[in-house]
Amino acid sequence: MNYRAFGKLGYKVSALGLGCMRFPRIYHEDGPASVDEEKAFEMIRYAAENGVNYFDTAFTYHHGNSEALLGEALETYGLRGKVKIATKQLYPFMKTQGDIRRNLESALKKLRTDHIDIYLIHNISSADWEDIKRRDIIGEYEKFRSEGLINAIGFSYHGKIGLFRDVLGFYDWDMCQVQQNLLDSDKEVTEEAIALAGEKGLGLAIMEPLKGGGLANAPGAVENIYGEYPQKRTAAEWAFRHLINYPAISTILSGMTTMEQLKENIQTFSMPDAVANCLSGEEKQIILRAKAAYESYASIPCTGCEYCLPCPKGVNIPKIFSDYNEGVMFGDFSQPKRAYMFQGNGRSSADYCEKCGVCLKKCPQGIDIPDKLMAAHDALTGWVE
């Protein structure tokens, strides 16, 4: 396993981190899916015994069971001292100042540990950021650190570069976690965020390197491009190498659901040449061409310009089209369906479209938005969490 410095914290972490949001599951006819604990324990043990020393979980993963499962597995096999645990608390669960401490104490109990190595404010959004500052949530985290309950303070983020820059500059963070992959290089926080985090000396964890697993399944046009390179690699390895190439990235989180995926990824991240600045000019061009080929599969010509927003009913039109296009692009709607489920929970799904036509007047691409929303909705519904 290759290791990288975790920012300014003085230790190294495995270039591959185990994301604990996609453990293997057992599906039930009469309720939500549950974690297959036997297989998950086996994967946690194998990862830790084969060089993975960074485990990322959160208060909400697997219906609140991810932390407990990880803690029990690490205790059972005597592995806690070998690994770093990162976990997160969502701002919406911090209703009172007392909630913040209770949530931390719950995480410590579930994880069966007396301290958490990296504690994050989870998924900071524009809707919450001003309240996070006003209530001095970071100050609460600093109290925890002074008491020895946590060792490092960080945040996770999905979104545009503007707010990310504000959050990054507000406080002397120890680390941050952002979404990035070869398709999101000009979306989400963009590559600029990687550079900014590196300049500040932060530990930087990358989530969604395979975009929910989609980038592990390349369509024909992409496979043909990858096949031009003399050294044969899987689509997943190409996607990982795109990120491995950045010196500022500390660890790349992968939410693996099978032992086969885990073993393959450990092999990829253990290769002697899987290090910073590993890509040649030719390889970079192949990745750019692969990105263009993926995007050519998109069937709704939405550019994400957001001119259609705000929708009077709160429908997040560009996000719905993006999720739908990803399903078409990868030939697999599982991850887009999961993302769409959260939009429904947040009342921003196509369920709330009333076909008022306001968006039609704004779209520079001339998309029949209400009609396409209904088509996307039909394709994206049905996820079982």
Protein backbone atom coordinates (compact mmCIF):
# COMPACT_ATOMS: atom_id res chain seq x y z
CA MET A 1 0.00 0.00 0.00
CA ASN A 2 1.22 3.48 -0.84
CA TYR A 3 0.96 6.13 1.87
CA ARG A 4 0.72 9.92 1.82
CA ALA A 5 1.18 12.70 4.33
CA PHE A 6 -2.09 13.73 5.93
CA GLY A 7 -1.56 17.45 5.59
CA LYS A 8 0.15 19.10 8.55
CA LEU A 9 -0.90 16.50 11.12
CA GLY A 10 2.41 14.68 11.08
CA TYR A 11 1.36 11.19 10.03
CA LYS A 12 0.70 9.26 6.84
CA VAL A 13 -2.49 7.60 5.68
CA SER A 14 -3.11 4.94 3.07
CA ALA A 15 -3.71 6.34 -0.40
CA LEU A 16 -6.84 4.17 -0.46
CA GLY A 17 -9.32 4.84 2.33
CA LEU A 18 -12.28 2.59 3.12
CA GLY A 19 -15.57 4.43 2.86
CA CYS A 20 -18.12 2.87 5.20
CA MET A 21 -21.29 3.95 3.39
CA ARG A 22 -21.56 1.05 0.94
CA PHE A 23 -21.01 -2.11 2.91
CA PRO A 24 -22.64 -5.23 1.41
CA ARG A 25 -26.35 -5.32 2.19
CA ILE A 26 -29.15 -7.82 2.67
CA TYR A 27 -32.45 -6.83 1.08
CA HIS A 28 -35.75 -7.50 2.82
CA GLU A 29 -39.22 -7.58 1.28
CA ASP A 30 -40.88 -5.88 4.24
CA GLY A 31 -38.41 -3.14 5.14
CA PRO A 32 -35.16 -1.31 4.49
CA ALA A 33 -32.00 -3.15 3.55
CA SER A 34 -29.58 -4.07 6.34
CA VAL A 35 -25.82 -4.52 6.36
CA ASP A 36 -24.49 -8.03 5.80
CA GLU A 37 -22.39 -7.92 8.96
CA GLU A 38 -20.42 -11.09 8.29
CA LYS A 39 -19.19 -9.84 4.93
CA ALA A 40 -18.63 -6.29 6.21
CA PHE A 41 -16.54 -7.53 9.14
CA GLU A 42 -14.47 -9.63 6.75
CA MET A 43 -13.84 -6.62 4.52
CA ILE A 44 -12.89 -4.33 7.42
CA ARG A 45 -10.44 -6.92 8.74
CA TYR A 46 -8.92 -7.60 5.32
CA ALA A 47 -8.53 -3.88 4.59
CA ALA A 48 -6.78 -3.12 7.88
CA GLU A 49 -4.52 -6.17 7.64
CA ASN A 50 -3.53 -5.27 4.07
CA GLY A 51 -2.45 -1.68 4.54
CA VAL A 52 -5.64 0.41 4.62
CA ASN A 53 -5.38 2.62 7.71
CA TYR A 54 -8.03 5.28 7.01
CA PHE A 55 -11.69 4.46 7.65
CA ASP A 56 -14.39 7.02 6.87
CA THR A 57 -17.87 6.74 8.35
CA ALA A 58 -20.66 9.07 9.50
CA PHE A 59 -23.51 9.43 11.97
CA THR A 60 -26.12 8.71 9.27
CA TYR A 61 -24.58 5.95 7.14
CA HIS A 62 -26.54 2.69 6.92
CA HIS A 63 -29.45 4.10 8.94
CA GLY A 64 -27.12 5.06 11.79
CA ASN A 65 -25.46 1.62 11.99
CA SER A 66 -22.17 2.22 10.17
CA GLU A 67 -20.24 3.61 13.15
CA ALA A 68 -21.34 0.76 15.42
CA LEU A 69 -20.44 -1.88 12.86
CA LEU A 70 -16.99 -0.38 12.26
CA GLY A 71 -16.34 -0.03 15.98
CA GLU A 72 -17.33 -3.61 16.72
CA ALA A 73 -15.21 -5.00 13.89
CA LEU A 74 -12.12 -3.05 14.90
CA GLU A 75 -12.52 -4.10 18.53
CA THR A 76 -13.19 -7.74 17.66
CA TYR A 77 -9.99 -8.03 15.66
CA GLY A 78 -7.86 -5.73 17.83
CA LEU A 79 -7.30 -3.27 15.00
CA ARG A 80 -8.21 0.12 16.52
CA GLY A 81 -4.58 1.07 17.18
CA LYS A 82 -3.63 0.43 13.56
CA VAL A 83 -6.11 2.79 11.92
CA LYS A 84 -7.40 6.35 11.79
CA ILE A 85 -11.16 6.85 12.10
CA ALA A 86 -12.91 9.80 10.49
CA THR A 87 -16.57 10.35 11.26
CA LYS A 88 -18.99 13.22 10.72
CA GLN A 89 -21.95 15.04 12.22
CA LEU A 90 -24.58 16.67 10.00
CA TYR A 91 -25.58 20.22 10.92
CA PRO A 92 -29.35 19.45 10.78
CA PHE A 93 -28.78 17.06 13.71
CA MET A 94 -27.28 19.88 15.80
CA LYS A 95 -30.58 21.40 16.92
CA THR A 96 -29.10 22.57 20.24
CA GLN A 97 -25.56 22.98 21.57
CA GLY A 98 -26.26 19.97 23.77
CA ASP A 99 -27.06 17.86 20.71
CA ILE A 100 -23.55 18.42 19.38
CA ARG A 101 -21.96 16.83 22.43
CA ARG A 102 -24.55 14.05 22.67
CA ASN A 103 -23.95 13.13 19.03
CA LEU A 104 -20.20 12.97 19.63
CA GLU A 105 -20.66 10.84 22.74
CA SER A 106 -22.92 8.53 20.73
CA ALA A 107 -20.26 8.20 18.03
CA LEU A 108 -17.57 7.40 20.60
CA LYS A 109 -19.77 4.73 22.14
CA LYS A 110 -20.67 3.18 18.80
CA LEU A 111 -17.07 3.22 17.62
CA ARG A 112 -15.89 1.71 20.94
CA THR A 113 -13.08 4.21 21.28
CA ASP A 114 -12.05 7.00 23.64
CA HIS A 115 -11.21 9.40 20.81
CA ILE A 116 -11.98 10.08 17.16
CA ASP A 117 -8.99 10.85 14.96
CA ILE A 118 -10.78 13.19 12.53
CA TYR A 119 -14.18 14.73 13.28
CA LEU A 120 -15.97 16.55 10.49
CA ILE A 121 -18.89 18.93 10.12
CA HIS A 122 -20.68 16.94 7.45
CA ASN A 123 -21.81 18.33 4.11
CA ILE A 124 -21.61 22.07 4.78
CA SER A 125 -24.13 23.87 2.57
CA SER A 126 -24.95 27.47 1.77
CA ALA A 127 -28.22 27.05 3.69
CA ASP A 128 -26.35 26.13 6.88
CA TRP A 129 -23.03 27.96 6.72
CA GLU A 130 -24.16 31.26 8.27
CA ASP A 131 -25.80 29.40 11.16
CA ILE A 132 -22.70 27.26 11.64
CA LYS A 133 -20.67 30.45 12.07
CA ARG A 134 -23.26 32.23 14.21
CA ARG A 135 -23.59 29.31 16.64
CA ASP A 136 -19.82 28.77 16.74
CA ILE A 137 -20.09 25.07 15.94
CA ILE A 138 -16.35 25.02 15.32
CA GLY A 139 -15.86 26.33 18.86
CA GLU A 140 -17.75 23.30 20.17
CA TYR A 141 -15.44 21.05 18.19
CA GLU A 142 -12.44 22.85 19.66
CA LYS A 143 -13.73 22.05 23.15
CA PHE A 144 -13.87 18.38 22.19
CA ARG A 145 -10.29 18.55 20.98
CA SER A 146 -9.09 20.23 24.17
CA GLU A 147 -10.72 17.37 26.12
CA GLY A 148 -8.93 14.75 24.02
CA LEU A 149 -12.18 13.42 22.53
CA ILE A 150 -11.14 14.29 18.97
CA ASN A 151 -7.72 14.89 17.44
CA ALA A 152 -8.46 16.87 14.28
CA ILE A 153 -11.24 19.11 12.94
CA GLY A 154 -12.44 19.01 9.35
CA PHE A 155 -15.43 19.41 7.07
CA SER A 156 -16.96 17.63 4.10
CA TYR A 157 -18.40 19.47 1.14
CA HIS A 158 -20.43 18.95 -2.02
CA GLY A 159 -20.91 22.07 -4.10
CA LYS A 160 -19.41 24.96 -5.99
CA ILE A 161 -16.01 26.55 -5.46
CA GLY A 162 -17.33 29.88 -4.12
CA LEU A 163 -18.68 28.66 -0.81
CA PHE A 164 -15.82 26.18 -0.49
CA ARG A 165 -13.36 29.06 -0.68
CA ASP A 166 -15.27 30.93 2.05
CA VAL A 167 -15.37 27.90 4.35
CA LEU A 168 -11.72 27.10 3.77
CA GLY A 169 -10.63 30.64 4.57
CA PHE A 170 -12.78 31.04 7.69
CA TYR A 171 -10.84 28.70 9.98
CA ASP A 172 -7.53 26.90 10.29
CA TRP A 173 -8.95 23.47 9.46
CA ASP A 174 -6.92 20.28 9.81
CA MET A 175 -8.52 18.58 6.81
CA CYS A 176 -11.36 18.66 4.32
CA GLN A 177 -13.24 16.10 2.25
CA VAL A 178 -14.61 16.89 -1.20
CA GLN A 179 -16.18 15.09 -4.15
CA GLN A 180 -13.97 14.78 -7.20
CA ASN A 181 -13.49 12.36 -10.09
CA LEU A 182 -12.65 12.53 -13.78
CA LEU A 183 -16.21 13.57 -14.68
CA ASP A 184 -16.45 16.19 -11.93
CA SER A 185 -13.14 17.90 -12.71
CA ASP A 186 -15.03 20.96 -13.97
CA LYS A 187 -17.98 20.59 -11.60
CA GLU A 188 -18.43 20.33 -7.85
CA VAL A 189 -15.56 22.24 -6.19
CA THR A 190 -13.39 21.69 -9.30
CA GLU A 191 -9.66 21.05 -9.35
CA GLU A 192 -9.08 24.52 -7.87
CA ALA A 193 -10.19 23.20 -4.48
CA ILE A 194 -7.49 20.53 -4.56
CA ALA A 195 -4.89 23.20 -5.14
CA LEU A 196 -6.28 25.47 -2.41
CA ALA A 197 -6.32 22.67 0.17
CA GLY A 198 -2.75 21.79 -0.77
CA GLU A 199 -1.58 25.38 -0.40
CA LYS A 200 -3.04 25.51 3.12
CA GLY A 201 -1.40 22.22 4.09
CA LEU A 202 -4.67 20.43 4.80
CA GLY A 203 -5.21 16.73 4.78
CA LEU A 204 -7.45 16.15 1.77
CA ALA A 205 -9.80 13.18 1.40
CA ILE A 206 -11.58 12.58 -1.90
CA MET A 207 -15.05 11.03 -1.99
CA GLU A 208 -16.92 9.58 -4.97
CA PRO A 209 -13.77 8.84 -7.01
CA LEU A 210 -15.81 6.39 -9.12
CA LYS A 211 -18.97 8.52 -9.01
CA GLY A 212 -20.97 5.97 -7.08
CA GLY A 213 -19.33 3.09 -8.92
CA GLY A 214 -20.39 4.30 -12.35
CA LEU A 215 -16.84 4.96 -13.55
CA ALA A 216 -15.96 1.32 -12.97
CA ASN A 217 -18.32 0.37 -15.82
CA ALA A 218 -17.11 2.02 -19.01
CA PRO A 219 -19.36 2.03 -22.09
CA GLY A 220 -17.94 0.81 -25.40
CA ALA A 221 -16.61 4.14 -26.64
CA VAL A 222 -14.70 4.69 -23.40
CA GLU A 223 -13.33 1.14 -23.35
CA ASN A 224 -12.01 1.68 -26.88
CA ILE A 225 -10.14 4.81 -25.79
CA TYR A 226 -8.63 3.08 -22.75
CA GLY A 227 -7.72 0.13 -24.96
CA GLU A 228 -5.42 2.33 -27.07
CA TYR A 229 -2.91 2.55 -24.22
CA PRO A 230 -0.28 -0.24 -24.31
CA GLN A 231 -0.68 -1.08 -20.62
CA LYS A 232 -4.09 -2.61 -19.99
CA ARG A 233 -6.04 -1.16 -17.08
CA THR A 234 -9.58 -1.41 -15.82
CA ALA A 235 -11.86 1.61 -16.06
CA ALA A 236 -11.72 1.86 -12.24
CA GLU A 237 -7.91 2.03 -12.28
CA TRP A 238 -7.97 4.83 -14.86
CA ALA A 239 -10.40 6.78 -12.68
CA PHE A 240 -8.29 6.24 -9.57
CA ARG A 241 -5.07 7.21 -11.32
CA HIS A 242 -6.65 10.50 -12.40
CA LEU A 243 -6.79 11.37 -8.69
CA ILE A 244 -3.62 9.62 -7.53
CA ASN A 245 -1.77 12.00 -9.85
CA TYR A 246 -2.50 15.02 -7.58
CA PRO A 247 0.20 15.54 -4.90
CA ALA A 248 -2.19 17.50 -2.66
CA ILE A 249 -4.60 14.56 -2.22
CA SER A 250 -3.97 12.54 0.95
CA THR A 251 -6.42 9.66 0.61
CA ILE A 252 -9.02 8.53 -1.90
CA LEU A 253 -12.12 7.00 -0.34
CA SER A 254 -13.85 4.11 -2.00
CA GLY A 255 -17.11 2.65 -0.73
CA MET A 256 -16.60 -0.97 -1.72
CA THR A 257 -19.36 -3.56 -1.49
CA THR A 258 -17.53 -6.79 -2.32
CA MET A 259 -14.27 -8.41 -1.28
CA GLU A 260 -13.31 -8.62 -4.95
CA GLN A 261 -13.56 -4.83 -5.29
CA LEU A 262 -11.53 -4.35 -2.12
CA LYS A 263 -8.73 -6.67 -3.26
CA GLU A 264 -8.60 -5.12 -6.72
CA ASN A 265 -8.42 -1.60 -5.29
CA ILE A 266 -5.73 -2.48 -2.77
CA GLN A 267 -3.70 -3.88 -5.65
CA THR A 268 -4.17 -0.67 -7.65
CA PHE A 269 -3.09 1.55 -4.75
CA SER A 270 -0.09 -0.65 -3.98
CA MET A 271 1.51 -0.40 -7.42
CA PRO A 272 4.96 1.25 -7.28
CA ASP A 273 3.97 3.77 -9.96
CA ALA A 274 0.62 4.69 -8.37
CA VAL A 275 2.06 7.86 -6.87
CA ALA A 276 1.74 11.62 -7.27
CA ASN A 277 2.56 12.94 -10.76
CA CYS A 278 2.24 9.43 -12.19
CA LEU A 279 0.41 10.40 -15.38
CA SER A 280 2.20 11.08 -18.62
CA GLY A 281 0.94 13.59 -21.14
CA GLU A 282 -0.46 10.73 -23.21
CA GLU A 283 -2.36 9.31 -20.24
CA LYS A 284 -3.85 12.71 -19.41
CA GLN A 285 -5.09 13.03 -22.98
CA ILE A 286 -6.66 9.59 -22.81
CA ILE A 287 -8.53 10.59 -19.64
CA LEU A 288 -9.76 13.81 -21.26
CA ARG A 289 -10.98 11.86 -24.28
CA ALA A 290 -12.66 9.31 -22.00
CA LYS A 291 -14.44 12.13 -20.18
CA ALA A 292 -15.75 13.51 -23.47
CA ALA A 293 -16.87 10.04 -24.53
CA TYR A 294 -18.75 9.50 -21.26
CA GLU A 295 -20.48 12.86 -21.66
CA SER A 296 -21.49 12.07 -25.24
CA TYR A 297 -23.88 9.46 -23.83
CA ALA A 298 -25.93 12.11 -22.01
CA SER A 299 -29.41 12.16 -23.56
CA ILE A 300 -30.80 15.36 -22.01
CA PRO A 301 -28.71 18.28 -23.34
CA CYS A 302 -28.61 20.15 -20.01
CA THR A 303 -25.39 22.13 -19.47
CA GLY A 304 -26.03 22.82 -15.79
CA CYS A 305 -26.18 26.59 -16.38
CA GLU A 306 -28.97 26.85 -13.75
CA TYR A 307 -30.82 29.58 -15.68
CA CYS A 308 -33.99 27.56 -15.00
CA LEU A 309 -33.59 28.15 -11.26
CA PRO A 310 -35.10 28.95 -8.90
CA CYS A 311 -38.11 26.77 -9.62
CA PRO A 312 -41.23 28.17 -7.92
CA LYS A 313 -41.78 24.75 -6.35
CA GLY A 314 -38.15 24.08 -5.44
CA VAL A 315 -37.47 21.39 -8.05
CA ASN A 316 -33.72 21.04 -8.62
CA ILE A 317 -33.95 20.68 -12.39
CA PRO A 318 -30.22 20.52 -13.29
CA LYS A 319 -29.51 17.93 -10.58
CA ILE A 320 -32.34 15.68 -11.78
CA PHE A 321 -31.10 15.87 -15.37
CA SER A 322 -27.54 15.23 -14.23
CA ASP A 323 -28.61 12.13 -12.27
CA TYR A 324 -30.61 10.85 -15.24
CA ASN A 325 -27.74 11.43 -17.67
CA GLU A 326 -25.37 9.56 -15.35
CA GLY A 327 -27.67 6.55 -15.39
CA VAL A 328 -27.73 6.58 -19.19
CA MET A 329 -23.99 7.22 -19.36
CA PHE A 330 -23.03 4.31 -17.11
CA GLY A 331 -25.84 1.96 -18.14
CA ASP A 332 -26.60 1.67 -14.42
CA PHE A 333 -29.20 3.72 -12.56
CA SER A 334 -28.47 2.40 -9.04
CA GLN A 335 -26.42 5.35 -7.79
CA PRO A 336 -28.51 8.00 -9.61
CA LYS A 337 -31.63 6.44 -8.06
CA ARG A 338 -30.10 6.71 -4.61
CA ALA A 339 -29.22 10.37 -5.19
CA TYR A 340 -32.75 11.01 -6.43
CA MET A 341 -34.21 9.48 -3.28
CA PHE A 342 -32.50 12.23 -1.26
CA GLN A 343 -33.94 14.85 -3.59
CA GLY A 344 -37.39 13.49 -2.83
CA ASN A 345 -36.64 13.67 0.89
CA GLY A 346 -35.61 17.30 0.38
CA ARG A 347 -38.74 18.13 -1.64
CA SER A 348 -36.70 18.99 -4.75
CA SER A 349 -37.62 16.00 -6.94
CA ALA A 350 -39.81 16.07 -10.03
CA ASP A 351 -42.76 15.02 -7.86
CA TYR A 352 -43.18 18.69 -7.05
CA CYS A 353 -43.23 19.96 -10.66
CA GLU A 354 -46.58 21.54 -11.52
CA LYS A 355 -45.70 22.16 -15.19
CA CYS A 356 -46.11 25.92 -14.74
CA GLY A 357 -43.75 26.58 -17.65
CA VAL A 358 -41.61 29.24 -15.95
CA CYS A 359 -38.45 27.21 -16.66
CA LEU A 360 -39.28 26.85 -20.37
CA LYS A 361 -38.82 30.58 -20.91
CA LYS A 362 -35.37 30.55 -19.31
CA CYS A 363 -33.68 27.47 -20.81
CA PRO A 364 -31.08 28.49 -23.44
CA GLN A 365 -30.98 24.91 -24.74
CA GLY A 366 -34.70 24.87 -25.53
CA ILE A 367 -35.28 21.71 -23.48
CA ASP A 368 -38.88 20.68 -22.89
CA ILE A 369 -38.16 20.67 -19.18
CA PRO A 370 -41.50 19.47 -17.73
CA ASP A 371 -41.66 16.57 -20.19
CA LYS A 372 -38.03 15.55 -19.58
CA LEU A 373 -38.52 15.82 -15.82
CA MET A 374 -41.30 13.26 -15.99
CA ALA A 375 -39.14 10.91 -18.07
CA ALA A 376 -36.26 11.31 -15.64
CA HIS A 377 -38.57 10.77 -12.67
CA ASP A 378 -39.82 7.47 -14.11
CA ALA A 379 -36.24 6.24 -14.60
CA LEU A 380 -34.94 7.41 -11.22
CA THR A 381 -37.63 6.25 -8.80
CA GLY A 382 -37.53 2.96 -6.92
CA TRP A 383 -34.39 3.01 -4.75
CA VAL A 384 -34.58 0.98 -1.52
CA GLU A 385 -32.20 2.28 1.14
